[in-house]
Amino acid sequence: MADEIVKFDDLPSVKRGYIEGLKYYFSIILSKQASLIEFKDLYQSLTKFGYELEILNQEQDMASVDALSEINKDFYPDGKMHSAFRSLNLEVALDGISECLMCLKKRVL
């Protein structure tokens, strides 16, 4: 076992890093929570996202990654970023979430 070579991408810290990235970018979005409440559908999706992110943080399972990816689609109605994110200068945070989800989907948790 000591001679076994482990790929860098298979190290738990890489997966944990993407999960921590999701938490970080989501916290930036939540910092504007008061402004997002007026967008009821979007706010509901953010609430679901937070719930699934907590599950992913605890269990690190692929079902949570899939659920988060589905919820993330709500943030891009008609394939374009929701105007609320643009008006609150949250484009980078939302892009960061999408990037972390994409990288997690490529890896088997």
PDB file of N, CA and C in Angstrom:
ATOM      1  N   MET A   1       0.824  -1.199   0.000  1.00  0.00           N
ATOM      2  CA  MET A   1       0.000   0.000   0.000  1.00  0.00           C
ATOM      3  C   MET A   1       0.861   1.254   0.000  1.00  0.00           C
ATOM      4  N   ALA A   2       1.999   1.215   0.654  1.00  0.00           N
ATOM      5  CA  ALA A   2       2.875   2.382   0.709  1.00  0.00           C
ATOM      6  C   ALA A   2       3.447   2.714  -0.659  1.00  0.00           C
ATOM      7  N   ASP A   3       3.532   1.713  -1.552  1.00  0.00           N
ATOM      8  CA  ASP A   3       4.074   1.923  -2.887  1.00  0.00           C
ATOM      9  C   ASP A   3       3.010   2.323  -3.902  1.00  0.00           C
ATOM     10  N   GLU A   4       1.763   2.377  -3.477  1.00  0.00           N
ATOM     11  CA  GLU A   4       0.669   2.703  -4.389  1.00  0.00           C
ATOM     12  C   GLU A   4       0.745   4.178  -4.784  1.00  0.00           C
ATOM     13  N   ILE A   5       0.604   4.418  -6.069  1.00  0.00           N
ATOM     14  CA  ILE A   5       0.629   5.791  -6.578  1.00  0.00           C
ATOM     15  C   ILE A   5      -0.802   6.311  -6.621  1.00  0.00           C
ATOM     16  N   VAL A   6      -1.011   7.463  -6.045  1.00  0.00           N
ATOM     17  CA  VAL A   6      -2.330   8.084  -6.023  1.00  0.00           C
ATOM     18  C   VAL A   6      -2.294   9.294  -6.950  1.00  0.00           C
ATOM     19  N   LYS A   7      -3.254   9.351  -7.878  1.00  0.00           N
ATOM     20  CA  LYS A   7      -3.332  10.494  -8.779  1.00  0.00           C
ATOM     21  C   LYS A   7      -3.689  11.741  -7.985  1.00  0.00           C
ATOM     22  N   PHE A   8      -3.153  12.862  -8.410  1.00  0.00           N
ATOM     23  CA  PHE A   8      -3.427  14.125  -7.740  1.00  0.00           C
ATOM     24  C   PHE A   8      -4.929  14.401  -7.697  1.00  0.00           C
ATOM     25  N   ASP A   9      -5.624  14.141  -8.817  1.00  0.00           N
ATOM     26  CA  ASP A   9      -7.059  14.417  -8.875  1.00  0.00           C
ATOM     27  C   ASP A   9      -7.877  13.548  -7.930  1.00  0.00           C
ATOM     28  N   ASP A  10      -7.312  12.432  -7.492  1.00  0.00           N
ATOM     29  CA  ASP A  10      -8.039  11.535  -6.596  1.00  0.00           C
ATOM     30  C   ASP A  10      -7.845  11.864  -5.120  1.00  0.00           C
ATOM     31  N   LEU A  11      -7.013  12.816  -4.819  1.00  0.00           N
ATOM     32  CA  LEU A  11      -6.784  13.178  -3.426  1.00  0.00           C
ATOM     33  C   LEU A  11      -8.036  13.830  -2.852  1.00  0.00           C
ATOM     34  N   PRO A  12      -8.411  13.472  -1.656  1.00  0.00           N
ATOM     35  CA  PRO A  12      -9.612  14.056  -1.049  1.00  0.00           C
ATOM     36  C   PRO A  12      -9.534  15.584  -0.943  1.00  0.00           C
ATOM     37  N   SER A  13      -8.339  16.121  -0.777  1.00  0.00           N
ATOM     38  CA  SER A  13      -8.217  17.563  -0.593  1.00  0.00           C
ATOM     39  C   SER A  13      -8.641  18.337  -1.839  1.00  0.00           C
ATOM     40  N   VAL A  14      -8.478  17.744  -3.020  1.00  0.00           N
ATOM     41  CA  VAL A  14      -8.904  18.410  -4.248  1.00  0.00           C
ATOM     42  C   VAL A  14     -10.430  18.517  -4.266  1.00  0.00           C
ATOM     43  N   LYS A  15     -11.098  17.427  -3.972  1.00  0.00           N
ATOM     44  CA  LYS A  15     -12.565  17.432  -3.924  1.00  0.00           C
ATOM     45  C   LYS A  15     -13.056  18.368  -2.825  1.00  0.00           C
ATOM     46  N   ARG A  16     -12.419  18.293  -1.685  1.00  0.00           N
ATOM     47  CA  ARG A  16     -12.784  19.167  -0.563  1.00  0.00           C
ATOM     48  C   ARG A  16     -12.583  20.631  -0.963  1.00  0.00           C
ATOM     49  N   GLY A  17     -11.534  20.875  -1.734  1.00  0.00           N
ATOM     50  CA  GLY A  17     -11.269  22.247  -2.186  1.00  0.00           C
ATOM     51  C   GLY A  17     -12.399  22.804  -3.030  1.00  0.00           C
ATOM     52  N   TYR A  18     -12.950  21.988  -3.925  1.00  0.00           N
ATOM     53  CA  TYR A  18     -14.076  22.452  -4.742  1.00  0.00           C
ATOM     54  C   TYR A  18     -15.325  22.662  -3.894  1.00  0.00           C
ATOM     55  N   ILE A  19     -15.528  21.804  -2.910  1.00  0.00           N
ATOM     56  CA  ILE A  19     -16.670  21.991  -2.009  1.00  0.00           C
ATOM     57  C   ILE A  19     -16.503  23.279  -1.215  1.00  0.00           C
ATOM     58  N   GLU A  20     -15.297  23.517  -0.732  1.00  0.00           N
ATOM     59  CA  GLU A  20     -15.032  24.766   0.003  1.00  0.00           C
ATOM     60  C   GLU A  20     -15.201  25.971  -0.921  1.00  0.00           C
ATOM     61  N   GLY A  21     -14.828  25.802  -2.184  1.00  0.00           N
ATOM     62  CA  GLY A  21     -15.032  26.877  -3.160  1.00  0.00           C
ATOM     63  C   GLY A  21     -16.509  27.184  -3.332  1.00  0.00           C
ATOM     64  N   LEU A  22     -17.330  26.138  -3.415  1.00  0.00           N
ATOM     65  CA  LEU A  22     -18.778  26.346  -3.506  1.00  0.00           C
ATOM     66  C   LEU A  22     -19.296  27.109  -2.294  1.00  0.00           C
ATOM     67  N   LYS A  23     -18.844  26.700  -1.128  1.00  0.00           N
ATOM     68  CA  LYS A  23     -19.283  27.376   0.104  1.00  0.00           C
ATOM     69  C   LYS A  23     -18.852  28.840   0.105  1.00  0.00           C
ATOM     70  N   TYR A  24     -17.638  29.098  -0.337  1.00  0.00           N
ATOM     71  CA  TYR A  24     -17.120  30.470  -0.362  1.00  0.00           C
ATOM     72  C   TYR A  24     -17.940  31.351  -1.316  1.00  0.00           C
ATOM     73  N   TYR A  25     -18.107  30.894  -2.549  1.00  0.00           N
ATOM     74  CA  TYR A  25     -18.841  31.703  -3.529  1.00  0.00           C
ATOM     75  C   TYR A  25     -20.305  31.857  -3.134  1.00  0.00           C
ATOM     76  N   PHE A  26     -20.881  30.818  -2.548  1.00  0.00           N
ATOM     77  CA  PHE A  26     -22.266  30.914  -2.099  1.00  0.00           C
ATOM     78  C   PHE A  26     -22.394  31.927  -0.955  1.00  0.00           C
ATOM     79  N   SER A  27     -21.398  31.983  -0.095  1.00  0.00           N
ATOM     80  CA  SER A  27     -21.441  32.959   1.008  1.00  0.00           C
ATOM     81  C   SER A  27     -21.402  34.393   0.474  1.00  0.00           C
ATOM     82  N   ILE A  28     -20.709  34.600  -0.625  1.00  0.00           N
ATOM     83  CA  ILE A  28     -20.686  35.936  -1.249  1.00  0.00           C
ATOM     84  C   ILE A  28     -22.085  36.296  -1.733  1.00  0.00           C
ATOM     85  N   ILE A  29     -22.750  35.342  -2.357  1.00  0.00           N
ATOM     86  CA  ILE A  29     -24.117  35.593  -2.831  1.00  0.00           C
ATOM     87  C   ILE A  29     -25.048  35.845  -1.647  1.00  0.00           C
ATOM     88  N   LEU A  30     -24.891  35.051  -0.594  1.00  0.00           N
ATOM     89  CA  LEU A  30     -25.749  35.241   0.583  1.00  0.00           C
ATOM     90  C   LEU A  30     -25.506  36.577   1.280  1.00  0.00           C
ATOM     91  N   SER A  31     -24.343  37.174   1.065  1.00  0.00           N
ATOM     92  CA  SER A  31     -24.085  38.484   1.667  1.00  0.00           C
ATOM     93  C   SER A  31     -25.019  39.556   1.090  1.00  0.00           C
ATOM     94  N   LYS A  32     -25.611  39.257  -0.045  1.00  0.00           N
ATOM     95  CA  LYS A  32     -26.578  40.173  -0.679  1.00  0.00           C
ATOM     96  C   LYS A  32     -28.005  39.645  -0.541  1.00  0.00           C
ATOM     97  N   GLN A  33     -28.200  38.772   0.419  1.00  0.00           N
ATOM     98  CA  GLN A  33     -29.472  38.095   0.623  1.00  0.00           C
ATOM     99  C   GLN A  33     -30.644  39.066   0.747  1.00  0.00           C
ATOM    100  N   ALA A  34     -30.466  40.147   1.455  1.00  0.00           N
ATOM    101  CA  ALA A  34     -31.553  41.097   1.659  1.00  0.00           C
ATOM    102  C   ALA A  34     -32.044  41.669   0.329  1.00  0.00           C
ATOM    103  N   SER A  35     -31.142  41.862  -0.613  1.00  0.00           N
ATOM    104  CA  SER A  35     -31.516  42.386  -1.925  1.00  0.00           C
ATOM    105  C   SER A  35     -32.155  41.323  -2.808  1.00  0.00           C
ATOM    106  N   LEU A  36     -31.872  40.066  -2.533  1.00  0.00           N
ATOM    107  CA  LEU A  36     -32.382  38.979  -3.367  1.00  0.00           C
ATOM    108  C   LEU A  36     -33.762  38.492  -2.947  1.00  0.00           C
ATOM    109  N   ILE A  37     -34.217  38.886  -1.771  1.00  0.00           N
ATOM    110  CA  ILE A  37     -35.510  38.417  -1.263  1.00  0.00           C
ATOM    111  C   ILE A  37     -36.654  38.819  -2.187  1.00  0.00           C
ATOM    112  N   GLU A  38     -36.545  39.959  -2.830  1.00  0.00           N
ATOM    113  CA  GLU A  38     -37.628  40.430  -3.699  1.00  0.00           C
ATOM    114  C   GLU A  38     -37.829  39.538  -4.935  1.00  0.00           C
ATOM    115  N   PHE A  39     -36.835  38.751  -5.291  1.00  0.00           N
ATOM    116  CA  PHE A  39     -36.937  37.812  -6.411  1.00  0.00           C
ATOM    117  C   PHE A  39     -37.333  36.451  -5.840  1.00  0.00           C
ATOM    118  N   LYS A  40     -38.622  36.234  -5.655  1.00  0.00           N
ATOM    119  CA  LYS A  40     -39.110  35.066  -4.916  1.00  0.00           C
ATOM    120  C   LYS A  40     -38.630  33.733  -5.487  1.00  0.00           C
ATOM    121  N   ASP A  41     -38.745  33.532  -6.796  1.00  0.00           N
ATOM    122  CA  ASP A  41     -38.319  32.261  -7.393  1.00  0.00           C
ATOM    123  C   ASP A  41     -36.820  32.066  -7.225  1.00  0.00           C
ATOM    124  N   LEU A  42     -36.069  33.107  -7.464  1.00  0.00           N
ATOM    125  CA  LEU A  42     -34.620  33.037  -7.323  1.00  0.00           C
ATOM    126  C   LEU A  42     -34.244  32.775  -5.865  1.00  0.00           C
ATOM    127  N   TYR A  43     -34.894  33.442  -4.958  1.00  0.00           N
ATOM    128  CA  TYR A  43     -34.600  33.270  -3.539  1.00  0.00           C
ATOM    129  C   TYR A  43     -34.916  31.843  -3.090  1.00  0.00           C
ATOM    130  N   GLN A  44     -36.001  31.287  -3.615  1.00  0.00           N
ATOM    131  CA  GLN A  44     -36.369  29.914  -3.293  1.00  0.00           C
ATOM    132  C   GLN A  44     -35.286  28.943  -3.790  1.00  0.00           C
ATOM    133  N   SER A  45     -34.771  29.207  -4.983  1.00  0.00           N
ATOM    134  CA  SER A  45     -33.701  28.368  -5.533  1.00  0.00           C
ATOM    135  C   SER A  45     -32.425  28.507  -4.704  1.00  0.00           C
ATOM    136  N   LEU A  46     -32.143  29.702  -4.233  1.00  0.00           N
ATOM    137  CA  LEU A  46     -30.968  29.908  -3.383  1.00  0.00           C
ATOM    138  C   LEU A  46     -31.102  29.139  -2.067  1.00  0.00           C
ATOM    139  N   THR A  47     -32.309  29.118  -1.526  1.00  0.00           N
ATOM    140  CA  THR A  47     -32.555  28.373  -0.294  1.00  0.00           C
ATOM    141  C   THR A  47     -32.323  26.876  -0.516  1.00  0.00           C
ATOM    142  N   LYS A  48     -32.835  26.349  -1.632  1.00  0.00           N
ATOM    143  CA  LYS A  48     -32.615  24.936  -1.968  1.00  0.00           C
ATOM    144  C   LYS A  48     -31.131  24.656  -2.178  1.00  0.00           C
ATOM    145  N   PHE A  49     -30.453  25.585  -2.829  1.00  0.00           N
ATOM    146  CA  PHE A  49     -29.023  25.419  -3.091  1.00  0.00           C
ATOM    147  C   PHE A  49     -28.257  25.316  -1.776  1.00  0.00           C
ATOM    148  N   GLY A  50     -28.582  26.180  -0.836  1.00  0.00           N
ATOM    149  CA  GLY A  50     -27.930  26.154   0.476  1.00  0.00           C
ATOM    150  C   GLY A  50     -28.158  24.846   1.200  1.00  0.00           C
ATOM    151  N   TYR A  51     -29.358  24.323   1.104  1.00  0.00           N
ATOM    152  CA  TYR A  51     -29.691  23.047   1.739  1.00  0.00           C
ATOM    153  C   TYR A  51     -28.877  21.911   1.117  1.00  0.00           C
ATOM    154  N   GLU A  52     -28.851  21.843  -0.196  1.00  0.00           N
ATOM    155  CA  GLU A  52     -28.096  20.785  -0.885  1.00  0.00           C
ATOM    156  C   GLU A  52     -26.588  20.940  -0.665  1.00  0.00           C
ATOM    157  N   LEU A  53     -26.129  22.165  -0.565  1.00  0.00           N
ATOM    158  CA  LEU A  53     -24.706  22.398  -0.314  1.00  0.00           C
ATOM    159  C   LEU A  53     -24.316  21.856   1.061  1.00  0.00           C
ATOM    160  N   GLU A  54     -25.194  22.005   2.032  1.00  0.00           N
ATOM    161  CA  GLU A  54     -24.933  21.457   3.371  1.00  0.00           C
ATOM    162  C   GLU A  54     -24.836  19.938   3.315  1.00  0.00           C
ATOM    163  N   ILE A  55     -25.716  19.322   2.554  1.00  0.00           N
ATOM    164  CA  ILE A  55     -25.674  17.862   2.406  1.00  0.00           C
ATOM    165  C   ILE A  55     -24.375  17.442   1.727  1.00  0.00           C
ATOM    166  N   LEU A  56     -24.000  18.149   0.666  1.00  0.00           N
ATOM    167  CA  LEU A  56     -22.748  17.839  -0.023  1.00  0.00           C
ATOM    168  C   LEU A  56     -21.560  17.987   0.912  1.00  0.00           C
ATOM    169  N   ASN A  57     -21.570  19.024   1.718  1.00  0.00           N
ATOM    170  CA  ASN A  57     -20.472  19.261   2.652  1.00  0.00           C
ATOM    171  C   ASN A  57     -20.328  18.109   3.648  1.00  0.00           C
ATOM    172  N   GLN A  58     -21.447  17.536   4.053  1.00  0.00           N
ATOM    173  CA  GLN A  58     -21.413  16.449   5.036  1.00  0.00           C
ATOM    174  C   GLN A  58     -21.174  15.083   4.415  1.00  0.00           C
ATOM    175  N   GLU A  59     -21.838  14.809   3.294  1.00  0.00           N
ATOM    176  CA  GLU A  59     -21.819  13.449   2.754  1.00  0.00           C
ATOM    177  C   GLU A  59     -20.910  13.268   1.542  1.00  0.00           C
ATOM    178  N   GLN A  60     -20.622  14.339   0.839  1.00  0.00           N
ATOM    179  CA  GLN A  60     -19.773  14.314  -0.353  1.00  0.00           C
ATOM    180  C   GLN A  60     -20.232  13.274  -1.366  1.00  0.00           C
ATOM    181  N   ASP A  61     -21.527  13.263  -1.675  1.00  0.00           N
ATOM    182  CA  ASP A  61     -22.034  12.281  -2.634  1.00  0.00           C
ATOM    183  C   ASP A  61     -22.414  12.938  -3.958  1.00  0.00           C
ATOM    184  N   MET A  62     -22.423  12.125  -4.993  1.00  0.00           N
ATOM    185  CA  MET A  62     -22.695  12.619  -6.337  1.00  0.00           C
ATOM    186  C   MET A  62     -24.130  13.100  -6.490  1.00  0.00           C
ATOM    187  N   ALA A  63     -25.058  12.542  -5.740  1.00  0.00           N
ATOM    188  CA  ALA A  63     -26.457  12.973  -5.834  1.00  0.00           C
ATOM    189  C   ALA A  63     -26.594  14.455  -5.478  1.00  0.00           C
ATOM    190  N   SER A  64     -25.836  14.909  -4.505  1.00  0.00           N
ATOM    191  CA  SER A  64     -25.874  16.323  -4.126  1.00  0.00           C
ATOM    192  C   SER A  64     -25.274  17.200  -5.215  1.00  0.00           C
ATOM    193  N   VAL A  65     -24.217  16.738  -5.853  1.00  0.00           N
ATOM    194  CA  VAL A  65     -23.614  17.497  -6.949  1.00  0.00           C
ATOM    195  C   VAL A  65     -24.621  17.633  -8.084  1.00  0.00           C
ATOM    196  N   ASP A  66     -25.314  16.535  -8.400  1.00  0.00           N
ATOM    197  CA  ASP A  66     -26.334  16.579  -9.452  1.00  0.00           C
ATOM    198  C   ASP A  66     -27.468  17.526  -9.078  1.00  0.00           C
ATOM    199  N   ALA A  67     -27.905  17.477  -7.828  1.00  0.00           N
ATOM    200  CA  ALA A  67     -28.985  18.361  -7.368  1.00  0.00           C
ATOM    201  C   ALA A  67     -28.557  19.823  -7.444  1.00  0.00           C
ATOM    202  N   LEU A  68     -27.334  20.112  -7.009  1.00  0.00           N
ATOM    203  CA  LEU A  68     -26.824  21.480  -7.070  1.00  0.00           C
ATOM    204  C   LEU A  68     -26.725  21.961  -8.516  1.00  0.00           C
ATOM    205  N   SER A  69     -26.317  21.086  -9.404  1.00  0.00           N
ATOM    206  CA  SER A  69     -26.216  21.452 -10.821  1.00  0.00           C
ATOM    207  C   SER A  69     -27.586  21.781 -11.402  1.00  0.00           C
ATOM    208  N   GLU A  70     -28.595  21.021 -11.014  1.00  0.00           N
ATOM    209  CA  GLU A  70     -29.962  21.303 -11.478  1.00  0.00           C
ATOM    210  C   GLU A  70     -30.458  22.641 -10.937  1.00  0.00           C
ATOM    211  N   ILE A  71     -30.216  22.897  -9.665  1.00  0.00           N
ATOM    212  CA  ILE A  71     -30.633  24.166  -9.063  1.00  0.00           C
ATOM    213  C   ILE A  71     -29.886  25.322  -9.699  1.00  0.00           C
ATOM    214  N   ASN A  72     -28.619  25.120 -10.025  1.00  0.00           N
ATOM    215  CA  ASN A  72     -27.802  26.163 -10.639  1.00  0.00           C
ATOM    216  C   ASN A  72     -28.416  26.635 -11.958  1.00  0.00           C
ATOM    217  N   LYS A  73     -29.133  25.766 -12.647  1.00  0.00           N
ATOM    218  CA  LYS A  73     -29.790  26.153 -13.903  1.00  0.00           C
ATOM    219  C   LYS A  73     -30.828  27.247 -13.672  1.00  0.00           C
ATOM    220  N   ASP A  74     -31.423  27.270 -12.483  1.00  0.00           N
ATOM    221  CA  ASP A  74     -32.404  28.313 -12.157  1.00  0.00           C
ATOM    222  C   ASP A  74     -31.767  29.701 -12.143  1.00  0.00           C
ATOM    223  N   PHE A  75     -30.469  29.748 -11.936  1.00  0.00           N
ATOM    224  CA  PHE A  75     -29.773  31.026 -11.884  1.00  0.00           C
ATOM    225  C   PHE A  75     -29.488  31.582 -13.282  1.00  0.00           C
ATOM    226  N   TYR A  76     -29.776  30.768 -14.305  1.00  0.00           N
ATOM    227  CA  TYR A  76     -29.540  31.142 -15.698  1.00  0.00           C
ATOM    228  C   TYR A  76     -30.813  30.937 -16.522  1.00  0.00           C
ATOM    229  N   PRO A  77     -31.864  31.720 -16.253  1.00  0.00           N
ATOM    230  CA  PRO A  77     -33.095  31.545 -17.033  1.00  0.00           C
ATOM    231  C   PRO A  77     -32.829  31.845 -18.512  1.00  0.00           C
ATOM    232  N   ASP A  78     -33.368  31.010 -19.364  1.00  0.00           N
ATOM    233  CA  ASP A  78     -33.178  31.138 -20.818  1.00  0.00           C
ATOM    234  C   ASP A  78     -31.701  31.135 -21.201  1.00  0.00           C
ATOM    235  N   GLY A  79     -30.877  30.483 -20.381  1.00  0.00           N
ATOM    236  CA  GLY A  79     -29.451  30.361 -20.698  1.00  0.00           C
ATOM    237  C   GLY A  79     -28.616  31.595 -20.398  1.00  0.00           C
ATOM    238  N   LYS A  80     -29.230  32.608 -19.802  1.00  0.00           N
ATOM    239  CA  LYS A  80     -28.503  33.832 -19.463  1.00  0.00           C
ATOM    240  C   LYS A  80     -28.558  34.069 -17.961  1.00  0.00           C
ATOM    241  N   MET A  81     -27.516  34.645 -17.424  1.00  0.00           N
ATOM    242  CA  MET A  81     -27.457  34.913 -15.992  1.00  0.00           C
ATOM    243  C   MET A  81     -28.627  35.795 -15.561  1.00  0.00           C
ATOM    244  N   HIS A  82     -29.251  35.420 -14.466  1.00  0.00           N
ATOM    245  CA  HIS A  82     -30.377  36.195 -13.924  1.00  0.00           C
ATOM    246  C   HIS A  82     -29.922  37.636 -13.694  1.00  0.00           C
ATOM    247  N   SER A  83     -30.761  38.568 -14.057  1.00  0.00           N
ATOM    248  CA  SER A  83     -30.418  39.995 -13.958  1.00  0.00           C
ATOM    249  C   SER A  83     -30.103  40.427 -12.530  1.00  0.00           C
ATOM    250  N   ALA A  84     -30.678  39.755 -11.535  1.00  0.00           N
ATOM    251  CA  ALA A  84     -30.420  40.109 -10.138  1.00  0.00           C
ATOM    252  C   ALA A  84     -28.938  39.948  -9.800  1.00  0.00           C
ATOM    253  N   PHE A  85     -28.324  38.908 -10.320  1.00  0.00           N
ATOM    254  CA  PHE A  85     -26.901  38.692 -10.053  1.00  0.00           C
ATOM    255  C   PHE A  85     -26.054  39.790 -10.680  1.00  0.00           C
ATOM    256  N   ARG A  86     -26.443  40.202 -11.874  1.00  0.00           N
ATOM    257  CA  ARG A  86     -25.695  41.274 -12.544  1.00  0.00           C
ATOM    258  C   ARG A  86     -25.847  42.600 -11.792  1.00  0.00           C
ATOM    259  N   SER A  87     -27.068  42.915 -11.414  1.00  0.00           N
ATOM    260  CA  SER A  87     -27.305  44.197 -10.750  1.00  0.00           C
ATOM    261  C   SER A  87     -26.615  44.291  -9.395  1.00  0.00           C
ATOM    262  N   LEU A  88     -26.341  43.140  -8.771  1.00  0.00           N
ATOM    263  CA  LEU A  88     -25.674  43.118  -7.462  1.00  0.00           C
ATOM    264  C   LEU A  88     -24.182  42.799  -7.575  1.00  0.00           C
ATOM    265  N   ASN A  89     -23.677  42.800  -8.808  1.00  0.00           N
ATOM    266  CA  ASN A  89     -22.254  42.528  -9.072  1.00  0.00           C
ATOM    267  C   ASN A  89     -21.816  41.174  -8.517  1.00  0.00           C
ATOM    268  N   LEU A  90     -22.636  40.152  -8.759  1.00  0.00           N
ATOM    269  CA  LEU A  90     -22.346  38.814  -8.264  1.00  0.00           C
ATOM    270  C   LEU A  90     -21.937  37.854  -9.387  1.00  0.00           C
ATOM    271  N   GLU A  91     -21.566  38.406 -10.537  1.00  0.00           N
ATOM    272  CA  GLU A  91     -21.220  37.559 -11.675  1.00  0.00           C
ATOM    273  C   GLU A  91     -20.063  36.617 -11.361  1.00  0.00           C
ATOM    274  N   VAL A  92     -19.021  37.137 -10.722  1.00  0.00           N
ATOM    275  CA  VAL A  92     -17.838  36.323 -10.427  1.00  0.00           C
ATOM    276  C   VAL A  92     -18.186  35.193  -9.466  1.00  0.00           C
ATOM    277  N   ALA A  93     -18.999  35.484  -8.462  1.00  0.00           N
ATOM    278  CA  ALA A  93     -19.400  34.449  -7.502  1.00  0.00           C
ATOM    279  C   ALA A  93     -20.210  33.360  -8.196  1.00  0.00           C
ATOM    280  N   LEU A  94     -21.125  33.750  -9.053  1.00  0.00           N
ATOM    281  CA  LEU A  94     -21.932  32.758  -9.754  1.00  0.00           C
ATOM    282  C   LEU A  94     -21.094  31.952 -10.737  1.00  0.00           C
ATOM    283  N   ASP A  95     -20.170  32.605 -11.406  1.00  0.00           N
ATOM    284  CA  ASP A  95     -19.243  31.887 -12.294  1.00  0.00           C
ATOM    285  C   ASP A  95     -18.384  30.902 -11.501  1.00  0.00           C
ATOM    286  N   GLY A  96     -17.957  31.303 -10.307  1.00  0.00           N
ATOM    287  CA  GLY A  96     -17.164  30.428  -9.444  1.00  0.00           C
ATOM    288  C   GLY A  96     -17.948  29.193  -9.035  1.00  0.00           C
ATOM    289  N   ILE A  97     -19.218  29.365  -8.735  1.00  0.00           N
ATOM    290  CA  ILE A  97     -20.077  28.235  -8.384  1.00  0.00           C
ATOM    291  C   ILE A  97     -20.189  27.276  -9.569  1.00  0.00           C
ATOM    292  N   SER A  98     -20.425  27.828 -10.739  1.00  0.00           N
ATOM    293  CA  SER A  98     -20.552  26.979 -11.930  1.00  0.00           C
ATOM    294  C   SER A  98     -19.267  26.214 -12.203  1.00  0.00           C
ATOM    295  N   GLU A  99     -18.145  26.866 -12.040  1.00  0.00           N
ATOM    296  CA  GLU A  99     -16.847  26.226 -12.270  1.00  0.00           C
ATOM    297  C   GLU A  99     -16.604  25.089 -11.270  1.00  0.00           C
ATOM    298  N   CYS A 100     -16.866  25.346 -10.003  1.00  0.00           N
ATOM    299  CA  CYS A 100     -16.676  24.304  -8.976  1.00  0.00           C
ATOM    300  C   CYS A 100     -17.593  23.116  -9.228  1.00  0.00           C
ATOM    301  N   LEU A 101     -18.835  23.374  -9.605  1.00  0.00           N
ATOM    302  CA  LEU A 101     -19.767  22.284  -9.894  1.00  0.00           C
ATOM    303  C   LEU A 101     -19.296  21.463 -11.087  1.00  0.00           C
ATOM    304  N   MET A 102     -18.813  22.144 -12.110  1.00  0.00           N
ATOM    305  CA  MET A 102     -18.325  21.445 -13.294  1.00  0.00           C
ATOM    306  C   MET A 102     -17.149  20.537 -12.933  1.00  0.00           C
ATOM    307  N   CYS A 103     -16.245  21.038 -12.135  1.00  0.00           N
ATOM    308  CA  CYS A 103     -15.077  20.239 -11.732  1.00  0.00           C
ATOM    309  C   CYS A 103     -15.493  19.064 -10.842  1.00  0.00           C
ATOM    310  N   LEU A 104     -16.438  19.269  -9.969  1.00  0.00           N
ATOM    311  CA  LEU A 104     -16.922  18.168  -9.120  1.00  0.00           C
ATOM    312  C   LEU A 104     -17.641  17.100  -9.932  1.00  0.00           C
ATOM    313  N   LYS A 105     -18.373  17.528 -10.959  1.00  0.00           N
ATOM    314  CA  LYS A 105     -19.079  16.546 -11.790  1.00  0.00           C
ATOM    315  C   LYS A 105     -18.116  15.667 -12.557  1.00  0.00           C
ATOM    316  N   LYS A 106     -16.929  16.178 -12.835  1.00  0.00           N
ATOM    317  CA  LYS A 106     -15.927  15.397 -13.557  1.00  0.00           C
ATOM    318  C   LYS A 106     -15.296  14.329 -12.672  1.00  0.00           C
ATOM    319  N   ARG A 107     -15.430  14.464 -11.373  1.00  0.00           N
ATOM    320  CA  ARG A 107     -14.793  13.532 -10.436  1.00  0.00           C
ATOM    321  C   ARG A 107     -15.845  12.682  -9.755  1.00  0.00           C
ATOM    322  N   VAL A 108     -15.494  11.488  -9.484  1.00  0.00           N
ATOM    323  CA  VAL A 108     -16.384  10.609  -8.722  1.00  0.00           C
ATOM    324  C   VAL A 108     -16.124  10.880  -7.258  1.00  0.00           C
ATOM    325  N   LEU A 109     -17.152  11.284  -6.547  1.00  0.00           N
ATOM    326  CA  LEU A 109     -17.006  11.558  -5.127  1.00  0.00           C
ATOM    327  C   LEU A 109     -17.020  10.247  -4.452  1.00  0.00           C
TER     328      LEU A 109
END
